[in-house]
Amino acid sequence: MPQRKIVEIPHHPKHRNPIPTCVMLGNLILPSVISGHDPKAPGVKNDAQKQSAQAFINMKEIVEAPGGTTDGIAKSSYT
């Protein structure tokens, strides 16, 4: 069975909970919750459109950190 590897993402917002933002299991990239938080623009938290746009930027950064691309995203869900 493949080993789980924690993916470090430079300059990316950290979770409040002690869980990794992303792990790799074999050749799978498995991100956890992806937020619309931007640490460089604290006012974004009050703007749903900016949060949505930032969430996609964060998703791209997370997937690309271990060498993936957004073309390989199989599923995403929003709540």
PDB file of N, CA and C in Angstrom:
ATOM      1  N   MET A   1       0.849  -1.176   0.000  1.00  0.00           N
ATOM      2  CA  MET A   1       0.000   0.000   0.000  1.00  0.00           C
ATOM      3  C   MET A   1       0.897   1.243   0.000  1.00  0.00           C
ATOM      4  N   PRO A   2       0.553   2.259  -0.807  1.00  0.00           N
ATOM      5  CA  PRO A   2       1.372   3.480  -0.850  1.00  0.00           C
ATOM      6  C   PRO A   2       1.341   4.231   0.475  1.00  0.00           C
ATOM      7  N   GLN A   3       2.432   4.913   0.755  1.00  0.00           N
ATOM      8  CA  GLN A   3       2.534   5.736   1.951  1.00  0.00           C
ATOM      9  C   GLN A   3       1.894   7.103   1.716  1.00  0.00           C
ATOM     10  N   ARG A   4       1.276   7.632   2.732  1.00  0.00           N
ATOM     11  CA  ARG A   4       0.711   8.981   2.678  1.00  0.00           C
ATOM     12  C   ARG A   4       1.846   9.979   2.861  1.00  0.00           C
ATOM     13  N   LYS A   5       1.873  10.994   2.007  1.00  0.00           N
ATOM     14  CA  LYS A   5       2.899  12.035   2.089  1.00  0.00           C
ATOM     15  C   LYS A   5       2.200  13.386   2.213  1.00  0.00           C
ATOM     16  N   ILE A   6       2.546  14.151   3.236  1.00  0.00           N
ATOM     17  CA  ILE A   6       1.964  15.485   3.412  1.00  0.00           C
ATOM     18  C   ILE A   6       2.612  16.438   2.418  1.00  0.00           C
ATOM     19  N   VAL A   7       1.780  17.215   1.731  1.00  0.00           N
ATOM     20  CA  VAL A   7       2.254  18.187   0.745  1.00  0.00           C
ATOM     21  C   VAL A   7       2.338  19.548   1.415  1.00  0.00           C
ATOM     22  N   GLU A   8       3.514  20.135   1.408  1.00  0.00           N
ATOM     23  CA  GLU A   8       3.701  21.486   1.950  1.00  0.00           C
ATOM     24  C   GLU A   8       3.439  22.501   0.844  1.00  0.00           C
ATOM     25  N   ILE A   9       2.602  23.495   1.124  1.00  0.00           N
ATOM     26  CA  ILE A   9       2.257  24.516   0.139  1.00  0.00           C
ATOM     27  C   ILE A   9       2.734  25.869   0.671  1.00  0.00           C
ATOM     28  N   PRO A  10       3.807  26.408   0.062  1.00  0.00           N
ATOM     29  CA  PRO A  10       4.344  27.678   0.557  1.00  0.00           C
ATOM     30  C   PRO A  10       3.340  28.825   0.436  1.00  0.00           C
ATOM     31  N   HIS A  11       3.316  29.680   1.421  1.00  0.00           N
ATOM     32  CA  HIS A  11       2.498  30.910   1.416  1.00  0.00           C
ATOM     33  C   HIS A  11       1.006  30.616   1.295  1.00  0.00           C
ATOM     34  N   HIS A  12       0.586  29.449   1.722  1.00  0.00           N
ATOM     35  CA  HIS A  12      -0.828  29.095   1.630  1.00  0.00           C
ATOM     36  C   HIS A  12      -1.453  29.168   3.018  1.00  0.00           C
ATOM     37  N   PRO A  13      -2.716  29.632   3.114  1.00  0.00           N
ATOM     38  CA  PRO A  13      -3.355  29.707   4.433  1.00  0.00           C
ATOM     39  C   PRO A  13      -3.426  28.328   5.089  1.00  0.00           C
ATOM     40  N   LYS A  14      -3.129  28.266   6.357  1.00  0.00           N
ATOM     41  CA  LYS A  14      -3.173  27.010   7.106  1.00  0.00           C
ATOM     42  C   LYS A  14      -4.580  26.774   7.639  1.00  0.00           C
ATOM     43  N   HIS A  15      -4.895  25.498   7.865  1.00  0.00           N
ATOM     44  CA  HIS A  15      -6.165  25.139   8.493  1.00  0.00           C
ATOM     45  C   HIS A  15      -6.169  25.546   9.958  1.00  0.00           C
ATOM     46  N   ARG A  16      -7.337  25.755  10.484  1.00  0.00           N
ATOM     47  CA  ARG A  16      -7.450  26.009  11.925  1.00  0.00           C
ATOM     48  C   ARG A  16      -7.262  24.699  12.687  1.00  0.00           C
ATOM     49  N   ASN A  17      -7.670  23.590  12.060  1.00  0.00           N
ATOM     50  CA  ASN A  17      -7.548  22.276  12.679  1.00  0.00           C
ATOM     51  C   ASN A  17      -6.185  21.676  12.336  1.00  0.00           C
ATOM     52  N   PRO A  18      -5.713  20.756  13.141  1.00  0.00           N
ATOM     53  CA  PRO A  18      -4.388  20.165  12.885  1.00  0.00           C
ATOM     54  C   PRO A  18      -4.431  19.067  11.817  1.00  0.00           C
ATOM     55  N   ILE A  19      -4.886  19.432  10.634  1.00  0.00           N
ATOM     56  CA  ILE A  19      -4.913  18.484   9.519  1.00  0.00           C
ATOM     57  C   ILE A  19      -4.147  19.107   8.353  1.00  0.00           C
ATOM     58  N   PRO A  20      -3.534  18.278   7.523  1.00  0.00           N
ATOM     59  CA  PRO A  20      -2.794  18.844   6.395  1.00  0.00           C
ATOM     60  C   PRO A  20      -3.741  19.406   5.341  1.00  0.00           C
ATOM     61  N   THR A  21      -3.280  20.410   4.614  1.00  0.00           N
ATOM     62  CA  THR A  21      -4.056  20.987   3.520  1.00  0.00           C
ATOM     63  C   THR A  21      -4.169  20.007   2.372  1.00  0.00           C
ATOM     64  N   CYS A  22      -3.116  19.204   2.182  1.00  0.00           N
ATOM     65  CA  CYS A  22      -3.096  18.270   1.057  1.00  0.00           C
ATOM     66  C   CYS A  22      -2.164  17.113   1.378  1.00  0.00           C
ATOM     67  N   VAL A  23      -2.538  15.931   0.924  1.00  0.00           N
ATOM     68  CA  VAL A  23      -1.660  14.766   1.011  1.00  0.00           C
ATOM     69  C   VAL A  23      -1.620  14.076  -0.344  1.00  0.00           C
ATOM     70  N   MET A  24      -0.561  13.314  -0.540  1.00  0.00           N
ATOM     71  CA  MET A  24      -0.475  12.451  -1.715  1.00  0.00           C
ATOM     72  C   MET A  24      -0.512  11.016  -1.218  1.00  0.00           C
ATOM     73  N   LEU A  25      -1.244  10.197  -1.941  1.00  0.00           N
ATOM     74  CA  LEU A  25      -1.309   8.772  -1.666  1.00  0.00           C
ATOM     75  C   LEU A  25      -1.024   8.089  -2.987  1.00  0.00           C
ATOM     76  N   GLY A  26       0.201   7.613  -3.148  1.00  0.00           N
ATOM     77  CA  GLY A  26       0.618   7.108  -4.449  1.00  0.00           C
ATOM     78  C   GLY A  26       0.659   8.277  -5.427  1.00  0.00           C
ATOM     79  N   ASN A  27      -0.065   8.145  -6.539  1.00  0.00           N
ATOM     80  CA  ASN A  27      -0.102   9.239  -7.515  1.00  0.00           C
ATOM     81  C   ASN A  27      -1.359  10.098  -7.376  1.00  0.00           C
ATOM     82  N   LEU A  28      -2.123   9.911  -6.305  1.00  0.00           N
ATOM     83  CA  LEU A  28      -3.329  10.712  -6.076  1.00  0.00           C
ATOM     84  C   LEU A  28      -3.005  11.929  -5.231  1.00  0.00           C
ATOM     85  N   ILE A  29      -3.545  13.073  -5.620  1.00  0.00           N
ATOM     86  CA  ILE A  29      -3.432  14.308  -4.847  1.00  0.00           C
ATOM     87  C   ILE A  29      -4.762  14.492  -4.140  1.00  0.00           C
ATOM     88  N   LEU A  30      -4.733  14.519  -2.813  1.00  0.00           N
ATOM     89  CA  LEU A  30      -5.962  14.558  -2.021  1.00  0.00           C
ATOM     90  C   LEU A  30      -5.984  15.793  -1.122  1.00  0.00           C
ATOM     91  N   PRO A  31      -6.540  16.904  -1.617  1.00  0.00           N
ATOM     92  CA  PRO A  31      -6.639  18.097  -0.769  1.00  0.00           C
ATOM     93  C   PRO A  31      -7.777  17.951   0.236  1.00  0.00           C
ATOM     94  N   SER A  32      -7.675  18.662   1.323  1.00  0.00           N
ATOM     95  CA  SER A  32      -8.783  18.709   2.277  1.00  0.00           C
ATOM     96  C   SER A  32      -9.629  19.929   1.923  1.00  0.00           C
ATOM     97  N   VAL A  33     -10.204  20.572   2.892  1.00  0.00           N
ATOM     98  CA  VAL A  33     -11.052  21.737   2.639  1.00  0.00           C
ATOM     99  C   VAL A  33     -10.237  22.851   1.983  1.00  0.00           C
ATOM    100  N   ILE A  34     -10.770  23.422   0.919  1.00  0.00           N
ATOM    101  CA  ILE A  34     -10.119  24.547   0.237  1.00  0.00           C
ATOM    102  C   ILE A  34     -10.985  25.771   0.473  1.00  0.00           C
ATOM    103  N   SER A  35     -10.425  26.745   1.149  1.00  0.00           N
ATOM    104  CA  SER A  35     -11.212  27.933   1.494  1.00  0.00           C
ATOM    105  C   SER A  35     -10.981  29.067   0.508  1.00  0.00           C
ATOM    106  N   GLY A  36     -11.773  30.097   0.655  1.00  0.00           N
ATOM    107  CA  GLY A  36     -11.621  31.307  -0.136  1.00  0.00           C
ATOM    108  C   GLY A  36     -10.841  32.370   0.604  1.00  0.00           C
ATOM    109  N   HIS A  37     -10.123  31.969   1.650  1.00  0.00           N
ATOM    110  CA  HIS A  37      -9.352  32.903   2.471  1.00  0.00           C
ATOM    111  C   HIS A  37      -8.081  33.333   1.740  1.00  0.00           C
ATOM    112  N   ASP A  38      -7.808  34.614   1.755  1.00  0.00           N
ATOM    113  CA  ASP A  38      -6.578  35.160   1.187  1.00  0.00           C
ATOM    114  C   ASP A  38      -5.862  35.927   2.294  1.00  0.00           C
ATOM    115  N   PRO A  39      -4.736  35.416   2.783  1.00  0.00           N
ATOM    116  CA  PRO A  39      -4.061  36.092   3.890  1.00  0.00           C
ATOM    117  C   PRO A  39      -3.533  37.471   3.525  1.00  0.00           C
ATOM    118  N   LYS A  40      -3.392  37.760   2.228  1.00  0.00           N
ATOM    119  CA  LYS A  40      -2.889  39.080   1.810  1.00  0.00           C
ATOM    120  C   LYS A  40      -4.011  40.110   1.698  1.00  0.00           C
ATOM    121  N   ALA A  41      -5.259  39.650   1.714  1.00  0.00           N
ATOM    122  CA  ALA A  41      -6.403  40.564   1.572  1.00  0.00           C
ATOM    123  C   ALA A  41      -7.493  40.178   2.571  1.00  0.00           C
ATOM    124  N   PRO A  42      -7.356  40.589   3.826  1.00  0.00           N
ATOM    125  CA  PRO A  42      -8.321  40.182   4.845  1.00  0.00           C
ATOM    126  C   PRO A  42      -9.760  40.600   4.561  1.00  0.00           C
ATOM    127  N   GLY A  43      -9.987  41.631   3.766  1.00  0.00           N
ATOM    128  CA  GLY A  43     -11.347  42.073   3.453  1.00  0.00           C
ATOM    129  C   GLY A  43     -12.123  41.109   2.584  1.00  0.00           C
ATOM    130  N   VAL A  44     -11.452  40.146   1.988  1.00  0.00           N
ATOM    131  CA  VAL A  44     -12.116  39.180   1.114  1.00  0.00           C
ATOM    132  C   VAL A  44     -13.152  38.375   1.874  1.00  0.00           C
ATOM    133  N   LYS A  45     -12.946  38.168   3.172  1.00  0.00           N
ATOM    134  CA  LYS A  45     -13.869  37.332   3.931  1.00  0.00           C
ATOM    135  C   LYS A  45     -15.296  37.881   3.948  1.00  0.00           C
ATOM    136  N   ASN A  46     -15.485  39.138   3.597  1.00  0.00           N
ATOM    137  CA  ASN A  46     -16.819  39.731   3.584  1.00  0.00           C
ATOM    138  C   ASN A  46     -17.414  39.844   2.190  1.00  0.00           C
ATOM    139  N   ASP A  47     -16.767  39.269   1.192  1.00  0.00           N
ATOM    140  CA  ASP A  47     -17.211  39.395  -0.192  1.00  0.00           C
ATOM    141  C   ASP A  47     -17.282  38.011  -0.832  1.00  0.00           C
ATOM    142  N   ALA A  48     -18.512  37.506  -1.036  1.00  0.00           N
ATOM    143  CA  ALA A  48     -18.709  36.145  -1.550  1.00  0.00           C
ATOM    144  C   ALA A  48     -18.077  35.947  -2.931  1.00  0.00           C
ATOM    145  N   GLN A  49     -18.152  36.934  -3.805  1.00  0.00           N
ATOM    146  CA  GLN A  49     -17.565  36.790  -5.142  1.00  0.00           C
ATOM    147  C   GLN A  49     -16.042  36.689  -5.062  1.00  0.00           C
ATOM    148  N   LYS A  50     -15.427  37.512  -4.234  1.00  0.00           N
ATOM    149  CA  LYS A  50     -13.973  37.460  -4.084  1.00  0.00           C
ATOM    150  C   LYS A  50     -13.538  36.152  -3.421  1.00  0.00           C
ATOM    151  N   GLN A  51     -14.334  35.676  -2.467  1.00  0.00           N
ATOM    152  CA  GLN A  51     -14.031  34.400  -1.819  1.00  0.00           C
ATOM    153  C   GLN A  51     -14.068  33.265  -2.827  1.00  0.00           C
ATOM    154  N   SER A  52     -15.077  33.265  -3.688  1.00  0.00           N
ATOM    155  CA  SER A  52     -15.195  32.209  -4.702  1.00  0.00           C
ATOM    156  C   SER A  52     -14.000  32.233  -5.646  1.00  0.00           C
ATOM    157  N   ALA A  53     -13.635  33.406  -6.110  1.00  0.00           N
ATOM    158  CA  ALA A  53     -12.491  33.531  -7.010  1.00  0.00           C
ATOM    159  C   ALA A  53     -11.208  33.083  -6.303  1.00  0.00           C
ATOM    160  N   GLN A  54     -11.046  33.455  -5.029  1.00  0.00           N
ATOM    161  CA  GLN A  54      -9.851  33.073  -4.283  1.00  0.00           C
ATOM    162  C   GLN A  54      -9.812  31.574  -4.041  1.00  0.00           C
ATOM    163  N   ALA A  55     -10.959  30.945  -3.830  1.00  0.00           N
ATOM    164  CA  ALA A  55     -10.999  29.492  -3.627  1.00  0.00           C
ATOM    165  C   ALA A  55     -10.433  28.762  -4.847  1.00  0.00           C
ATOM    166  N   PHE A  56     -10.740  29.238  -6.051  1.00  0.00           N
ATOM    167  CA  PHE A  56     -10.196  28.613  -7.255  1.00  0.00           C
ATOM    168  C   PHE A  56      -8.686  28.851  -7.368  1.00  0.00           C
ATOM    169  N   ILE A  57      -8.224  30.024  -6.965  1.00  0.00           N
ATOM    170  CA  ILE A  57      -6.779  30.299  -6.953  1.00  0.00           C
ATOM    171  C   ILE A  57      -6.095  29.361  -5.956  1.00  0.00           C
ATOM    172  N   ASN A  58      -6.683  29.222  -4.768  1.00  0.00           N
ATOM    173  CA  ASN A  58      -6.125  28.333  -3.749  1.00  0.00           C
ATOM    174  C   ASN A  58      -6.108  26.884  -4.237  1.00  0.00           C
ATOM    175  N   MET A  59      -7.204  26.457  -4.900  1.00  0.00           N
ATOM    176  CA  MET A  59      -7.277  25.095  -5.411  1.00  0.00           C
ATOM    177  C   MET A  59      -6.153  24.833  -6.414  1.00  0.00           C
ATOM    178  N   LYS A  60      -5.925  25.776  -7.311  1.00  0.00           N
ATOM    179  CA  LYS A  60      -4.869  25.632  -8.318  1.00  0.00           C
ATOM    180  C   LYS A  60      -3.502  25.519  -7.641  1.00  0.00           C
ATOM    181  N   GLU A  61      -3.235  26.367  -6.651  1.00  0.00           N
ATOM    182  CA  GLU A  61      -1.957  26.324  -5.939  1.00  0.00           C
ATOM    183  C   GLU A  61      -1.757  24.991  -5.225  1.00  0.00           C
ATOM    184  N   ILE A  62      -2.821  24.486  -4.604  1.00  0.00           N
ATOM    185  CA  ILE A  62      -2.743  23.226  -3.867  1.00  0.00           C
ATOM    186  C   ILE A  62      -2.465  22.066  -4.813  1.00  0.00           C
ATOM    187  N   VAL A  63      -3.164  22.005  -5.930  1.00  0.00           N
ATOM    188  CA  VAL A  63      -3.000  20.906  -6.877  1.00  0.00           C
ATOM    189  C   VAL A  63      -1.644  20.968  -7.573  1.00  0.00           C
ATOM    190  N   GLU A  64      -1.162  22.167  -7.843  1.00  0.00           N
ATOM    191  CA  GLU A  64       0.123  22.301  -8.539  1.00  0.00           C
ATOM    192  C   GLU A  64       1.329  22.088  -7.622  1.00  0.00           C
ATOM    193  N   ALA A  65       1.172  22.266  -6.311  1.00  0.00           N
ATOM    194  CA  ALA A  65       2.306  22.124  -5.383  1.00  0.00           C
ATOM    195  C   ALA A  65       2.984  20.752  -5.488  1.00  0.00           C
ATOM    196  N   PRO A  66       2.233  19.654  -5.568  1.00  0.00           N
ATOM    197  CA  PRO A  66       2.901  18.352  -5.708  1.00  0.00           C
ATOM    198  C   PRO A  66       3.127  17.931  -7.159  1.00  0.00           C
ATOM    199  N   GLY A  67       2.853  18.828  -8.110  1.00  0.00           N
ATOM    200  CA  GLY A  67       3.127  18.521  -9.515  1.00  0.00           C
ATOM    201  C   GLY A  67       1.905  18.200 -10.356  1.00  0.00           C
ATOM    202  N   GLY A  68       0.706  18.384  -9.821  1.00  0.00           N
ATOM    203  CA  GLY A  68      -0.507  18.124 -10.587  1.00  0.00           C
ATOM    204  C   GLY A  68      -0.931  19.327 -11.411  1.00  0.00           C
ATOM    205  N   THR A  69      -2.018  19.163 -12.151  1.00  0.00           N
ATOM    206  CA  THR A  69      -2.612  20.262 -12.907  1.00  0.00           C
ATOM    207  C   THR A  69      -4.114  20.266 -12.665  1.00  0.00           C
ATOM    208  N   THR A  70      -4.743  21.368 -12.956  1.00  0.00           N
ATOM    209  CA  THR A  70      -6.203  21.434 -12.791  1.00  0.00           C
ATOM    210  C   THR A  70      -6.919  20.548 -13.803  1.00  0.00           C
ATOM    211  N   ASP A  71      -6.245  20.147 -14.868  1.00  0.00           N
ATOM    212  CA  ASP A  71      -6.852  19.222 -15.836  1.00  0.00           C
ATOM    213  C   ASP A  71      -7.126  17.857 -15.209  1.00  0.00           C
ATOM    214  N   GLY A  72      -6.417  17.531 -14.132  1.00  0.00           N
ATOM    215  CA  GLY A  72      -6.569  16.231 -13.497  1.00  0.00           C
ATOM    216  C   GLY A  72      -7.589  16.197 -12.382  1.00  0.00           C
ATOM    217  N   ILE A  73      -8.312  17.278 -12.154  1.00  0.00           N
ATOM    218  CA  ILE A  73      -9.315  17.302 -11.082  1.00  0.00           C
ATOM    219  C   ILE A  73     -10.509  16.467 -11.510  1.00  0.00           C
ATOM    220  N   ALA A  74     -10.825  15.448 -10.705  1.00  0.00           N
ATOM    221  CA  ALA A  74     -11.927  14.551 -11.033  1.00  0.00           C
ATOM    222  C   ALA A  74     -13.251  15.008 -10.421  1.00  0.00           C
ATOM    223  N   LYS A  75     -13.193  15.618  -9.255  1.00  0.00           N
ATOM    224  CA  LYS A  75     -14.439  15.996  -8.587  1.00  0.00           C
ATOM    225  C   LYS A  75     -14.167  17.141  -7.626  1.00  0.00           C
ATOM    226  N   SER A  76     -15.120  18.045  -7.525  1.00  0.00           N
ATOM    227  CA  SER A  76     -15.100  19.057  -6.474  1.00  0.00           C
ATOM    228  C   SER A  76     -16.530  19.280  -6.027  1.00  0.00           C
ATOM    229  N   SER A  77     -16.699  19.611  -4.774  1.00  0.00           N
ATOM    230  CA  SER A  77     -18.041  19.892  -4.264  1.00  0.00           C
ATOM    231  C   SER A  77     -17.983  21.153  -3.423  1.00  0.00           C
ATOM    232  N   TYR A  78     -19.079  21.854  -3.352  1.00  0.00           N
ATOM    233  CA  TYR A  78     -19.142  23.152  -2.680  1.00  0.00           C
ATOM    234  C   TYR A  78     -20.253  23.127  -1.655  1.00  0.00           C
ATOM    235  N   THR A  79     -19.947  23.675  -0.480  1.00  0.00           N
ATOM    236  CA  THR A  79     -20.991  23.779   0.549  1.00  0.00           C
ATOM    237  C   THR A  79     -20.992  25.162   1.119  1.00  0.00           C
TER     238      THR A  79
END
